[in-house]
Amino acid sequence: MSIEDLSSSISGNVEAAEQLAAGINASREQANQLHGQLMSLAAESVAAQLNVCAEELQKAIGQVQGLKVQLEQARTQAEAAKTA
């Protein structure tokens, strides 16, 4: 295994994190759409639950974005090790 292999592996993890965040965001958008539809049908309690769901998904997106930053920092350190 080389530093290039490590850097490439970390890049794959960054890409996976980006894809995960995009998938979670799509789910959050669906929850928001359902929330709006249910509010228009006067189904407030179900709509409120979906609103909480969307908020939790937003938190998950933030966590994945934090993970992505950490992965990018790890990749930077691996790249720096090539010149050390």
Protein backbone atom coordinates (compact mmCIF):
# COMPACT_ATOMS: atom_id res chain seq x y z
CA MET A 1 0.00 0.00 0.00
CA SER A 2 1.25 3.47 -0.86
CA ILE A 3 0.34 7.00 0.17
CA GLU A 4 -1.37 7.38 -3.20
CA ASP A 5 -3.50 4.32 -2.42
CA LEU A 6 -4.42 5.80 0.95
CA SER A 7 -5.27 9.16 -0.58
CA SER A 8 -7.37 7.47 -3.25
CA SER A 9 -9.20 5.43 -0.61
CA ILE A 10 -9.98 8.56 1.40
CA SER A 11 -11.19 10.30 -1.78
CA GLY A 12 -13.62 7.42 -2.27
CA ASN A 13 -14.87 7.94 1.28
CA VAL A 14 -15.37 11.66 0.62
CA GLU A 15 -17.38 10.82 -2.49
CA ALA A 16 -19.48 8.31 -0.55
CA ALA A 17 -20.17 10.96 2.11
CA GLU A 18 -21.28 13.40 -0.58
CA GLN A 19 -23.63 10.79 -2.06
CA LEU A 20 -25.00 9.96 1.39
CA ALA A 21 -25.66 13.65 2.09
CA ALA A 22 -27.45 14.00 -1.24
CA GLY A 23 -29.64 10.97 -0.49
CA ILE A 24 -30.50 12.26 2.98
CA ASN A 25 -31.31 15.66 1.50
CA ALA A 26 -33.69 14.04 -1.00
CA SER A 27 -35.46 12.28 1.88
CA ARG A 28 -35.67 15.57 3.79
CA GLU A 29 -37.22 17.27 0.76
CA GLN A 30 -39.80 14.48 0.49
CA ALA A 31 -40.67 14.89 4.17
CA ASN A 32 -41.08 18.64 3.65
CA GLN A 33 -43.33 18.09 0.64
CA LEU A 34 -45.50 15.61 2.53
CA HIS A 35 -45.65 18.03 5.45
CA GLY A 36 -47.01 20.75 3.16
CA GLN A 37 -49.54 18.43 1.58
CA LEU A 38 -50.80 17.21 4.93
CA MET A 39 -51.08 20.73 6.31
CA SER A 40 -53.32 21.62 3.39
CA LEU A 41 -55.49 18.61 4.28
CA ALA A 42 -55.73 19.68 7.91
CA ALA A 43 -53.78 16.64 9.13
CA GLU A 44 -51.72 18.68 11.55
CA SER A 45 -50.52 15.90 13.88
CA VAL A 46 -49.09 13.79 11.06
CA ALA A 47 -47.66 16.92 9.45
CA ALA A 48 -45.98 17.83 12.74
CA GLN A 49 -44.37 14.39 12.92
CA LEU A 50 -43.07 14.78 9.38
CA ASN A 51 -41.69 18.18 10.28
CA VAL A 52 -39.71 16.59 13.13
CA CYS A 53 -38.54 13.93 10.69
CA ALA A 54 -37.28 16.61 8.30
CA GLU A 55 -35.46 18.35 11.16
CA GLU A 56 -33.72 15.09 12.13
CA LEU A 57 -32.70 14.52 8.53
CA GLN A 58 -31.26 18.04 8.42
CA LYS A 59 -29.19 17.20 11.50
CA ALA A 60 -27.96 14.03 9.78
CA ILE A 61 -26.89 16.07 6.75
CA GLY A 62 -24.86 18.30 9.06
CA GLN A 63 -23.18 15.29 10.61
CA VAL A 64 -22.31 13.83 7.21
CA GLN A 65 -20.90 17.19 6.11
CA GLY A 66 -18.75 17.23 9.25
CA LEU A 67 -17.54 13.74 8.40
CA LYS A 68 -16.70 14.90 4.89
CA VAL A 69 -14.58 17.75 6.29
CA GLN A 70 -12.72 15.31 8.55
CA LEU A 71 -12.10 12.97 5.63
CA GLU A 72 -10.79 15.83 3.52
CA GLN A 73 -8.44 16.82 6.36
CA ALA A 74 -7.20 13.23 6.59
CA ARG A 75 -6.58 13.20 2.84
CA THR A 76 -4.65 16.46 3.14
CA GLN A 77 -2.48 14.94 5.85
CA ALA A 78 -1.85 11.85 3.73
CA GLU A 79 -0.85 14.05 0.80
CA ALA A 80 1.44 16.07 3.06
CA ALA A 81 3.16 12.86 4.15
CA LYS A 82 4.38 12.41 0.56
CA THR A 83 6.60 15.45 0.89
CA ALA A 84 7.72 14.87 4.48
